[in-house]
Amino acid sequence: MACNPLSIITGDICPHYKICKKNCVLSRIRNDESIITSNDSFNCESCSCEKVLIIGSGPAGLAAAHTLRKHGFDVTVCEHYDKLGGALRLIPDSRLDKKHIDNTVEQLSNMGVVFKNNCSTPTLDEFDFIVVAVGTWKPRKLGIKGEDLEIVTYALDYLKNPTTHENAIVIGAGEVAADCAKQSGGKIYYRGPIAKMKGEKQDDLSYEFEIFPKQIQPDGVLFEQHGKEIFVPCDKAIIAIGQLPDLPAEIQNLENVIIVGDAAIGSSNIVKAVLDTKLTLEHKLNKS
């Protein structure tokens, strides 16, 4: 548990079918107890008193807060939105009970971490160093004609305010694409074969494989499959082919900045974001 401060969350939503093949908390009888235990306490007399600002309260931000606070740093987490948790908040309730996010934040607060939401322009010179854990919120685009039409929306934008549609399609095949398909009622269209899917094929969803989007039109999407053009009518085309980092401009030229999680390694999954955060920070701390 000390290795993964978000195990109560990753145990629900990590790609266990690829990583641990269900040999984890999913195969046990779970309860709602905190994963941040009394073993995570620290001696305040040994605190470094260095002030750290963490930008972003998603998986990487929460993991960074836990790691740094255990080492005695004075930690403040700044979140742009009104709710803490970052992209975790966009995961459907059917996959993640949001009380686990709230409990994790509460336990970190009890450890002394300060959280500030609706915080868009923090005063950076108040801190000894800054950890950027903003994730990847900039949508990756298809780069085809018609992508600017009203019929199109991108995955994370859609998940902020999901609605069902009579005839929606989802382009992509990861976990986020599956979330979009479940929320919208749409079918998933993926350019590769089933073996190359980033997510797990789910029995309650419909798929079309080895089909390439060529052009988006006001009433649907033109695909190519096995050398033939196929027009699929729809009232909403959700593009879910990944996201890109979009780092805050104000930190670009600062020297005392550490970038962690998806903001550093690119769009991945929560387990990898937490792992990168812990390894990066532990490496920096061991060098100092």
C-alpha atoms as a PDB file:
ATOM      1  CA  MET A   1       0.000   0.000   0.000  1.00  0.00           C
ATOM      2  CA  ALA A   2       2.846   2.368   0.752  1.00  0.00           C
ATOM      3  CA  CYS A   3       4.075   1.764  -2.798  1.00  0.00           C
ATOM      4  CA  ASN A   4       0.853   3.044  -4.365  1.00  0.00           C
ATOM      5  CA  PRO A   5      -1.025   5.796  -2.522  1.00  0.00           C
ATOM      6  CA  LEU A   6      -3.890   5.485  -5.019  1.00  0.00           C
ATOM      7  CA  SER A   7      -4.368   1.720  -4.822  1.00  0.00           C
ATOM      8  CA  ILE A   8      -7.999   2.086  -3.731  1.00  0.00           C
ATOM      9  CA  ILE A   9      -8.553   3.843  -7.089  1.00  0.00           C
ATOM     10  CA  THR A  10      -6.217   1.927  -9.388  1.00  0.00           C
ATOM     11  CA  GLY A  11      -7.601  -1.346  -8.033  1.00  0.00           C
ATOM     12  CA  ASP A  12     -10.889  -0.414  -9.679  1.00  0.00           C
ATOM     13  CA  ILE A  13      -9.808   1.123 -12.949  1.00  0.00           C
ATOM     14  CA  CYS A  14      -6.272   0.039 -13.829  1.00  0.00           C
ATOM     15  CA  PRO A  15      -5.791  -2.241 -16.874  1.00  0.00           C
ATOM     16  CA  HIS A  16      -5.334  -5.285 -14.627  1.00  0.00           C
ATOM     17  CA  TYR A  17      -5.952  -7.615 -17.552  1.00  0.00           C
ATOM     18  CA  LYS A  18      -2.620  -6.481 -18.996  1.00  0.00           C
ATOM     19  CA  ILE A  19      -0.592  -5.713 -15.861  1.00  0.00           C
ATOM     20  CA  CYS A  20      -1.338  -8.200 -13.096  1.00  0.00           C
ATOM     21  CA  LYS A  21      -3.963 -10.465 -14.692  1.00  0.00           C
ATOM     22  CA  LYS A  22      -6.400  -9.913 -11.807  1.00  0.00           C
ATOM     23  CA  ASN A  23      -3.847 -10.926  -9.172  1.00  0.00           C
ATOM     24  CA  CYS A  24      -4.599  -7.782  -7.189  1.00  0.00           C
ATOM     25  CA  VAL A  25      -7.273  -6.257  -4.984  1.00  0.00           C
ATOM     26  CA  LEU A  26      -9.872  -7.039  -7.639  1.00  0.00           C
ATOM     27  CA  SER A  27      -9.582 -10.711  -6.732  1.00  0.00           C
ATOM     28  CA  ARG A  28     -10.158 -10.056  -3.023  1.00  0.00           C
ATOM     29  CA  ILE A  29     -13.078  -8.986  -0.927  1.00  0.00           C
ATOM     30  CA  ARG A  30     -12.614  -5.225  -0.763  1.00  0.00           C
ATOM     31  CA  ASN A  31     -13.768  -2.700   1.778  1.00  0.00           C
ATOM     32  CA  ASP A  32     -13.750   1.085   1.922  1.00  0.00           C
ATOM     33  CA  GLU A  33     -10.821   1.431   4.288  1.00  0.00           C
ATOM     34  CA  SER A  34      -8.199   3.980   3.422  1.00  0.00           C
ATOM     35  CA  ILE A  35      -5.006   2.864   1.724  1.00  0.00           C
ATOM     36  CA  ILE A  36      -3.128   5.697   3.414  1.00  0.00           C
ATOM     37  CA  THR A  37      -2.447   4.034   6.756  1.00  0.00           C
ATOM     38  CA  SER A  38      -0.807   5.008   9.996  1.00  0.00           C
ATOM     39  CA  ASN A  39       2.484   3.756   8.526  1.00  0.00           C
ATOM     40  CA  ASP A  40       2.387   6.841   6.312  1.00  0.00           C
ATOM     41  CA  SER A  41       2.966   9.166   9.258  1.00  0.00           C
ATOM     42  CA  PHE A  42       6.190  11.125   9.563  1.00  0.00           C
ATOM     43  CA  ASN A  43       8.223  12.968  12.150  1.00  0.00           C
ATOM     44  CA  CYS A  44       7.524  16.679  11.773  1.00  0.00           C
ATOM     45  CA  GLU A  45      10.819  17.496  13.513  1.00  0.00           C
ATOM     46  CA  SER A  46      12.611  16.155  10.438  1.00  0.00           C
ATOM     47  CA  CYS A  47      10.623  18.304   7.994  1.00  0.00           C
ATOM     48  CA  SER A  48      12.709  20.053   5.364  1.00  0.00           C
ATOM     49  CA  CYS A  49      10.396  23.088   5.527  1.00  0.00           C
ATOM     50  CA  GLU A  50      10.861  23.524   1.773  1.00  0.00           C
ATOM     51  CA  LYS A  51       7.665  24.727   0.144  1.00  0.00           C
ATOM     52  CA  VAL A  52       6.479  22.797  -2.898  1.00  0.00           C
ATOM     53  CA  LEU A  53       3.669  23.706  -5.276  1.00  0.00           C
ATOM     54  CA  ILE A  54       2.015  20.864  -7.182  1.00  0.00           C
ATOM     55  CA  ILE A  55       0.029  22.029 -10.205  1.00  0.00           C
ATOM     56  CA  GLY A  56      -2.760  19.539 -10.836  1.00  0.00           C
ATOM     57  CA  SER A  57      -4.709  17.239  -8.519  1.00  0.00           C
ATOM     58  CA  GLY A  58      -5.137  14.237 -10.783  1.00  0.00           C
ATOM     59  CA  PRO A  59      -3.427  10.864 -10.196  1.00  0.00           C
ATOM     60  CA  ALA A  60       0.094  12.265 -10.611  1.00  0.00           C
ATOM     61  CA  GLY A  61      -0.667  15.279  -8.429  1.00  0.00           C
ATOM     62  CA  LEU A  62      -2.090  13.158  -5.616  1.00  0.00           C
ATOM     63  CA  ALA A  63       0.818  10.706  -5.824  1.00  0.00           C
ATOM     64  CA  ALA A  64       3.282  13.608  -5.759  1.00  0.00           C
ATOM     65  CA  ALA A  65       1.575  15.140  -2.722  1.00  0.00           C
ATOM     66  CA  HIS A  66       1.804  11.845  -0.839  1.00  0.00           C
ATOM     67  CA  THR A  67       5.451  11.224  -1.767  1.00  0.00           C
ATOM     68  CA  LEU A  68       6.654  14.729  -0.924  1.00  0.00           C
ATOM     69  CA  ARG A  69       4.674  15.082   2.275  1.00  0.00           C
ATOM     70  CA  LYS A  70       6.110  11.795   3.545  1.00  0.00           C
ATOM     71  CA  HIS A  71       9.550  13.310   2.987  1.00  0.00           C
ATOM     72  CA  GLY A  72       8.560  16.296   5.108  1.00  0.00           C
ATOM     73  CA  PHE A  73       7.944  18.952   2.466  1.00  0.00           C
ATOM     74  CA  ASP A  74       5.392  21.728   2.896  1.00  0.00           C
ATOM     75  CA  VAL A  75       3.018  20.784   0.068  1.00  0.00           C
ATOM     76  CA  THR A  76       0.324  22.854  -1.647  1.00  0.00           C
ATOM     77  CA  VAL A  77      -1.750  21.389  -4.496  1.00  0.00           C
ATOM     78  CA  CYS A  78      -3.280  23.836  -6.971  1.00  0.00           C
ATOM     79  CA  GLU A  79      -6.242  22.650  -9.061  1.00  0.00           C
ATOM     80  CA  HIS A  80      -7.652  24.709 -11.944  1.00  0.00           C
ATOM     81  CA  TYR A  81     -11.174  23.282 -11.674  1.00  0.00           C
ATOM     82  CA  ASP A  82     -13.678  23.471  -8.843  1.00  0.00           C
ATOM     83  CA  LYS A  83     -13.389  19.770  -7.949  1.00  0.00           C
ATOM     84  CA  LEU A  84     -10.198  17.953  -7.010  1.00  0.00           C
ATOM     85  CA  GLY A  85      -9.159  14.771  -8.786  1.00  0.00           C
ATOM     86  CA  GLY A  86      -8.372  15.923 -12.313  1.00  0.00           C
ATOM     87  CA  ALA A  87      -9.317  13.449 -15.030  1.00  0.00           C
ATOM     88  CA  LEU A  88     -10.415  10.958 -12.378  1.00  0.00           C
ATOM     89  CA  ARG A  89     -13.605  13.010 -12.114  1.00  0.00           C
ATOM     90  CA  LEU A  90     -14.446  12.204 -15.742  1.00  0.00           C
ATOM     91  CA  ILE A  91     -14.506   8.435 -15.216  1.00  0.00           C
ATOM     92  CA  PRO A  92     -18.112   7.167 -15.119  1.00  0.00           C
ATOM     93  CA  ASP A  93     -19.492   6.252 -11.689  1.00  0.00           C
ATOM     94  CA  SER A  94     -19.961   2.698 -12.916  1.00  0.00           C
ATOM     95  CA  ARG A  95     -16.170   2.331 -13.052  1.00  0.00           C
ATOM     96  CA  LEU A  96     -15.081   4.555 -10.166  1.00  0.00           C
ATOM     97  CA  ASP A  97     -16.941   5.563  -7.039  1.00  0.00           C
ATOM     98  CA  LYS A  98     -15.947   9.207  -6.576  1.00  0.00           C
ATOM     99  CA  LYS A  99     -15.935   8.831  -2.799  1.00  0.00           C
ATOM    100  CA  HIS A 100     -12.527   7.158  -3.204  1.00  0.00           C
ATOM    101  CA  ILE A 101     -11.166  10.436  -4.622  1.00  0.00           C
ATOM    102  CA  ASP A 102     -12.709  12.431  -1.788  1.00  0.00           C
ATOM    103  CA  ASN A 103     -11.348  10.010   0.814  1.00  0.00           C
ATOM    104  CA  THR A 104      -7.853  10.167  -0.656  1.00  0.00           C
ATOM    105  CA  VAL A 105      -7.923  13.979  -0.650  1.00  0.00           C
ATOM    106  CA  GLU A 106      -9.193  14.005   2.936  1.00  0.00           C
ATOM    107  CA  GLN A 107      -6.449  11.669   4.097  1.00  0.00           C
ATOM    108  CA  LEU A 108      -3.757  13.725   2.364  1.00  0.00           C
ATOM    109  CA  SER A 109      -5.228  16.828   4.000  1.00  0.00           C
ATOM    110  CA  ASN A 110      -4.926  15.095   7.351  1.00  0.00           C
ATOM    111  CA  MET A 111      -1.253  14.549   6.561  1.00  0.00           C
ATOM    112  CA  GLY A 112      -0.882  18.301   6.122  1.00  0.00           C
ATOM    113  CA  VAL A 113      -1.253  18.728   2.366  1.00  0.00           C
ATOM    114  CA  VAL A 114      -3.007  21.993   1.441  1.00  0.00           C
ATOM    115  CA  PHE A 115      -5.441  21.838  -1.478  1.00  0.00           C
ATOM    116  CA  LYS A 116      -6.655  24.870  -3.441  1.00  0.00           C
ATOM    117  CA  ASN A 117      -9.281  24.515  -6.160  1.00  0.00           C
ATOM    118  CA  ASN A 118     -10.313  27.139  -8.719  1.00  0.00           C
ATOM    119  CA  CYS A 119      -6.644  28.084  -8.671  1.00  0.00           C
ATOM    120  CA  SER A 120      -5.590  29.181 -12.152  1.00  0.00           C
ATOM    121  CA  THR A 121      -2.706  31.594 -11.519  1.00  0.00           C
ATOM    122  CA  PRO A 122      -0.681  30.610  -8.436  1.00  0.00           C
ATOM    123  CA  THR A 123       2.106  32.851  -7.167  1.00  0.00           C
ATOM    124  CA  LEU A 124       5.081  30.747  -8.168  1.00  0.00           C
ATOM    125  CA  ASP A 125       7.825  32.720  -6.412  1.00  0.00           C
ATOM    126  CA  GLU A 126       6.451  31.698  -3.014  1.00  0.00           C
ATOM    127  CA  PHE A 127       7.703  28.134  -3.524  1.00  0.00           C
ATOM    128  CA  ASP A 128      11.126  26.482  -3.517  1.00  0.00           C
ATOM    129  CA  PHE A 129      10.206  24.235  -6.405  1.00  0.00           C
ATOM    130  CA  ILE A 130       7.191  23.328  -8.523  1.00  0.00           C
ATOM    131  CA  VAL A 131       5.856  19.936  -9.583  1.00  0.00           C
ATOM    132  CA  VAL A 132       3.818  20.009 -12.781  1.00  0.00           C
ATOM    133  CA  ALA A 133       1.244  17.206 -12.787  1.00  0.00           C
ATOM    134  CA  VAL A 134      -1.307  18.591 -15.215  1.00  0.00           C
ATOM    135  CA  GLY A 135      -1.842  15.392 -17.179  1.00  0.00           C
ATOM    136  CA  THR A 136      -2.824  15.507 -20.846  1.00  0.00           C
ATOM    137  CA  TRP A 137      -5.911  17.578 -21.603  1.00  0.00           C
ATOM    138  CA  LYS A 138      -5.132  18.752 -25.137  1.00  0.00           C
ATOM    139  CA  PRO A 139      -7.000  16.437 -27.546  1.00  0.00           C
ATOM    140  CA  ARG A 140      -5.082  14.556 -30.191  1.00  0.00           C
ATOM    141  CA  LYS A 141      -6.711  15.261 -33.558  1.00  0.00           C
ATOM    142  CA  LEU A 142      -7.338  13.019 -36.532  1.00  0.00           C
ATOM    143  CA  GLY A 143      -6.160  15.633 -38.993  1.00  0.00           C
ATOM    144  CA  ILE A 144      -8.885  14.961 -41.545  1.00  0.00           C
ATOM    145  CA  LYS A 145     -11.346  17.198 -43.373  1.00  0.00           C
ATOM    146  CA  GLY A 146     -14.470  18.138 -41.412  1.00  0.00           C
ATOM    147  CA  GLU A 147     -12.949  17.783 -37.962  1.00  0.00           C
ATOM    148  CA  ASP A 148     -14.056  21.324 -37.154  1.00  0.00           C
ATOM    149  CA  LEU A 149     -17.745  20.589 -37.765  1.00  0.00           C
ATOM    150  CA  GLU A 150     -20.327  20.912 -34.977  1.00  0.00           C
ATOM    151  CA  ILE A 151     -20.972  17.186 -35.048  1.00  0.00           C
ATOM    152  CA  VAL A 152     -17.477  16.563 -33.620  1.00  0.00           C
ATOM    153  CA  THR A 153     -16.427  16.564 -29.967  1.00  0.00           C
ATOM    154  CA  TYR A 154     -13.320  15.262 -28.235  1.00  0.00           C
ATOM    155  CA  ALA A 155     -13.359  12.620 -25.530  1.00  0.00           C
ATOM    156  CA  LEU A 156     -12.507  14.627 -22.415  1.00  0.00           C
ATOM    157  CA  ASP A 157     -14.713  17.523 -23.462  1.00  0.00           C
ATOM    158  CA  TYR A 158     -17.567  15.077 -23.937  1.00  0.00           C
ATOM    159  CA  LEU A 159     -17.008  13.351 -20.582  1.00  0.00           C
ATOM    160  CA  LYS A 160     -17.246  16.668 -18.739  1.00  0.00           C
ATOM    161  CA  ASN A 161     -20.922  16.765 -19.675  1.00  0.00           C
ATOM    162  CA  PRO A 162     -21.911  13.400 -21.182  1.00  0.00           C
ATOM    163  CA  THR A 163     -25.233  12.995 -22.973  1.00  0.00           C
ATOM    164  CA  THR A 164     -26.801  10.081 -24.812  1.00  0.00           C
ATOM    165  CA  HIS A 165     -27.387  10.292 -28.559  1.00  0.00           C
ATOM    166  CA  GLU A 166     -29.671   8.462 -30.904  1.00  0.00           C
ATOM    167  CA  ASN A 167     -26.835   7.712 -33.294  1.00  0.00           C
ATOM    168  CA  ALA A 168     -23.348   8.396 -31.931  1.00  0.00           C
ATOM    169  CA  ILE A 169     -20.002   6.931 -32.940  1.00  0.00           C
ATOM    170  CA  VAL A 170     -16.702   6.844 -31.055  1.00  0.00           C
ATOM    171  CA  ILE A 171     -13.384   6.850 -32.911  1.00  0.00           C
ATOM    172  CA  GLY A 172     -10.651   5.194 -30.834  1.00  0.00           C
ATOM    173  CA  ALA A 173     -10.257   2.056 -28.744  1.00  0.00           C
ATOM    174  CA  GLY A 174      -8.779   2.812 -25.317  1.00  0.00           C
ATOM    175  CA  GLU A 175     -10.433   2.955 -21.903  1.00  0.00           C
ATOM    176  CA  VAL A 176     -11.506   6.558 -22.516  1.00  0.00           C
ATOM    177  CA  ALA A 177     -13.155   5.551 -25.791  1.00  0.00           C
ATOM    178  CA  ALA A 178     -15.040   2.818 -23.932  1.00  0.00           C
ATOM    179  CA  ASP A 179     -16.206   5.342 -21.325  1.00  0.00           C
ATOM    180  CA  CYS A 180     -17.462   7.606 -24.117  1.00  0.00           C
ATOM    181  CA  ALA A 181     -19.254   4.728 -25.823  1.00  0.00           C
ATOM    182  CA  LYS A 182     -21.017   3.694 -22.611  1.00  0.00           C
ATOM    183  CA  GLN A 183     -22.101   7.229 -21.823  1.00  0.00           C
ATOM    184  CA  SER A 184     -23.253   8.096 -25.356  1.00  0.00           C
ATOM    185  CA  GLY A 185     -24.621   4.730 -26.422  1.00  0.00           C
ATOM    186  CA  GLY A 186     -22.361   4.847 -29.483  1.00  0.00           C
ATOM    187  CA  LYS A 187     -20.433   2.218 -31.391  1.00  0.00           C
ATOM    188  CA  ILE A 188     -16.613   2.149 -31.342  1.00  0.00           C
ATOM    189  CA  TYR A 189     -14.685   2.415 -34.615  1.00  0.00           C
ATOM    190  CA  TYR A 190     -11.003   1.475 -34.454  1.00  0.00           C
ATOM    191  CA  ARG A 191      -8.444   1.613 -37.237  1.00  0.00           C
ATOM    192  CA  GLY A 192      -6.458  -1.393 -35.985  1.00  0.00           C
ATOM    193  CA  PRO A 193      -7.197  -5.058 -35.296  1.00  0.00           C
ATOM    194  CA  ILE A 194      -8.611  -6.209 -31.998  1.00  0.00           C
ATOM    195  CA  ALA A 195      -5.172  -7.465 -30.890  1.00  0.00           C
ATOM    196  CA  LYS A 196      -3.784  -3.917 -30.889  1.00  0.00           C
ATOM    197  CA  MET A 197      -6.508  -2.314 -28.806  1.00  0.00           C
ATOM    198  CA  LYS A 198      -5.202  -0.292 -25.875  1.00  0.00           C
ATOM    199  CA  GLY A 199      -8.292  -1.118 -23.877  1.00  0.00           C
ATOM    200  CA  GLU A 200     -10.064  -4.376 -23.156  1.00  0.00           C
ATOM    201  CA  LYS A 201     -12.861  -5.422 -25.522  1.00  0.00           C
ATOM    202  CA  GLN A 202     -16.066  -5.257 -23.536  1.00  0.00           C
ATOM    203  CA  ASP A 203     -19.035  -7.471 -24.227  1.00  0.00           C
ATOM    204  CA  ASP A 204     -21.601  -4.727 -23.657  1.00  0.00           C
ATOM    205  CA  LEU A 205     -20.125  -2.479 -26.366  1.00  0.00           C
ATOM    206  CA  SER A 206     -20.249  -2.679 -30.177  1.00  0.00           C
ATOM    207  CA  TYR A 207     -17.043  -2.469 -32.234  1.00  0.00           C
ATOM    208  CA  GLU A 208     -15.907  -2.139 -35.816  1.00  0.00           C
ATOM    209  CA  PHE A 209     -12.232  -2.943 -36.445  1.00  0.00           C
ATOM    210  CA  GLU A 210      -9.696  -2.085 -39.165  1.00  0.00           C
ATOM    211  CA  ILE A 211     -11.728   0.891 -40.321  1.00  0.00           C
ATOM    212  CA  PHE A 212     -10.069   4.247 -41.065  1.00  0.00           C
ATOM    213  CA  PRO A 213     -11.827   7.647 -40.821  1.00  0.00           C
ATOM    214  CA  LYS A 214     -11.287   9.637 -44.022  1.00  0.00           C
ATOM    215  CA  GLN A 215     -13.653  12.608 -43.770  1.00  0.00           C
ATOM    216  CA  ILE A 216     -16.249  13.972 -41.364  1.00  0.00           C
ATOM    217  CA  GLN A 217     -19.442  15.342 -42.856  1.00  0.00           C
ATOM    218  CA  PRO A 218     -22.329  17.222 -41.194  1.00  0.00           C
ATOM    219  CA  ASP A 219     -24.417  14.047 -40.985  1.00  0.00           C
ATOM    220  CA  GLY A 220     -21.796  11.334 -40.494  1.00  0.00           C
ATOM    221  CA  VAL A 221     -18.287   9.996 -41.075  1.00  0.00           C
ATOM    222  CA  LEU A 222     -16.778   8.563 -44.228  1.00  0.00           C
ATOM    223  CA  PHE A 223     -14.561   5.551 -43.444  1.00  0.00           C
ATOM    224  CA  GLU A 224     -12.408   3.210 -45.477  1.00  0.00           C
ATOM    225  CA  GLN A 225     -12.398  -0.489 -44.650  1.00  0.00           C
ATOM    226  CA  HIS A 226     -10.528  -3.138 -46.640  1.00  0.00           C
ATOM    227  CA  GLY A 227     -10.265  -0.814 -49.642  1.00  0.00           C
ATOM    228  CA  LYS A 228     -13.951   0.190 -49.664  1.00  0.00           C
ATOM    229  CA  GLU A 229     -15.471   3.486 -48.602  1.00  0.00           C
ATOM    230  CA  ILE A 230     -18.242   3.233 -46.019  1.00  0.00           C
ATOM    231  CA  PHE A 231     -20.389   6.153 -44.885  1.00  0.00           C
ATOM    232  CA  VAL A 232     -21.665   5.874 -41.298  1.00  0.00           C
ATOM    233  CA  PRO A 233     -24.436   8.364 -40.438  1.00  0.00           C
ATOM    234  CA  CYS A 234     -24.371   9.821 -36.931  1.00  0.00           C
ATOM    235  CA  ASP A 235     -25.503  12.804 -34.889  1.00  0.00           C
ATOM    236  CA  LYS A 236     -22.330  12.914 -32.780  1.00  0.00           C
ATOM    237  CA  ALA A 237     -18.760  11.874 -33.582  1.00  0.00           C
ATOM    238  CA  ILE A 238     -16.618  11.540 -30.446  1.00  0.00           C
ATOM    239  CA  ILE A 239     -12.885  11.453 -31.136  1.00  0.00           C
ATOM    240  CA  ALA A 240     -11.034   9.482 -28.472  1.00  0.00           C
ATOM    241  CA  ILE A 241      -7.564   8.776 -29.865  1.00  0.00           C
ATOM    242  CA  GLY A 242      -5.589  10.187 -26.947  1.00  0.00           C
ATOM    243  CA  GLN A 243      -4.490  13.481 -25.445  1.00  0.00           C
ATOM    244  CA  LEU A 244      -1.342  15.591 -25.429  1.00  0.00           C
ATOM    245  CA  PRO A 245       0.388  17.578 -22.675  1.00  0.00           C
ATOM    246  CA  ASP A 246      -0.445  21.285 -22.524  1.00  0.00           C
ATOM    247  CA  LEU A 247       2.036  22.740 -20.043  1.00  0.00           C
ATOM    248  CA  PRO A 248       1.297  26.066 -18.310  1.00  0.00           C
ATOM    249  CA  ALA A 249       3.094  28.908 -20.093  1.00  0.00           C
ATOM    250  CA  GLU A 250       4.180  30.512 -16.836  1.00  0.00           C
ATOM    251  CA  ILE A 251       6.460  27.583 -15.912  1.00  0.00           C
ATOM    252  CA  GLN A 252       8.211  27.177 -19.263  1.00  0.00           C
ATOM    253  CA  ASN A 253      11.350  29.158 -18.368  1.00  0.00           C
ATOM    254  CA  LEU A 254      11.649  28.274 -14.684  1.00  0.00           C
ATOM    255  CA  GLU A 255      14.539  26.135 -13.467  1.00  0.00           C
ATOM    256  CA  ASN A 256      12.973  24.756 -10.290  1.00  0.00           C
ATOM    257  CA  VAL A 257      10.333  22.702 -12.121  1.00  0.00           C
ATOM    258  CA  ILE A 258       9.780  18.943 -12.139  1.00  0.00           C
ATOM    259  CA  ILE A 259       7.291  17.495 -14.642  1.00  0.00           C
ATOM    260  CA  VAL A 260       5.679  14.188 -13.687  1.00  0.00           C
ATOM    261  CA  GLY A 261       3.002  11.746 -14.797  1.00  0.00           C
ATOM    262  CA  ASP A 262       1.326  11.973 -18.184  1.00  0.00           C
ATOM    263  CA  ALA A 263       2.559  15.548 -18.607  1.00  0.00           C
ATOM    264  CA  ALA A 264       6.052  14.031 -18.821  1.00  0.00           C
ATOM    265  CA  ILE A 265       5.501  10.636 -20.462  1.00  0.00           C
ATOM    266  CA  GLY A 266       2.435  11.343 -22.587  1.00  0.00           C
ATOM    267  CA  SER A 267      -1.078   9.966 -22.357  1.00  0.00           C
ATOM    268  CA  SER A 268      -0.952   6.553 -20.673  1.00  0.00           C
ATOM    269  CA  ASN A 269      -2.928   5.140 -17.752  1.00  0.00           C
ATOM    270  CA  ILE A 270      -3.249   5.904 -14.060  1.00  0.00           C
ATOM    271  CA  VAL A 271      -0.858   3.192 -12.906  1.00  0.00           C
ATOM    272  CA  LYS A 272       1.903   4.475 -15.183  1.00  0.00           C
ATOM    273  CA  ALA A 273       1.247   8.086 -14.162  1.00  0.00           C
ATOM    274  CA  VAL A 274       1.567   7.213 -10.470  1.00  0.00           C
ATOM    275  CA  LEU A 275       4.669   5.087 -11.092  1.00  0.00           C
ATOM    276  CA  ASP A 276       6.426   7.800 -13.119  1.00  0.00           C
ATOM    277  CA  THR A 277       5.612  10.371 -10.431  1.00  0.00           C
ATOM    278  CA  LYS A 278       7.033   8.288  -7.599  1.00  0.00           C
ATOM    279  CA  LEU A 279      10.173   7.251  -9.520  1.00  0.00           C
ATOM    280  CA  THR A 280      10.877  10.775 -10.748  1.00  0.00           C
ATOM    281  CA  LEU A 281      10.480  12.393  -7.331  1.00  0.00           C
ATOM    282  CA  GLU A 282      12.373   9.686  -5.462  1.00  0.00           C
ATOM    283  CA  HIS A 283      15.225  10.031  -7.951  1.00  0.00           C
ATOM    284  CA  LYS A 284      15.312  13.808  -7.470  1.00  0.00           C
ATOM    285  CA  LEU A 285      15.194  13.468  -3.682  1.00  0.00           C
ATOM    286  CA  ASN A 286      17.995  10.893  -3.627  1.00  0.00           C
ATOM    287  CA  LYS A 287      20.222  13.138  -5.751  1.00  0.00           C
ATOM    288  CA  SER A 288      19.680  16.180  -3.542  1.00  0.00           C
END
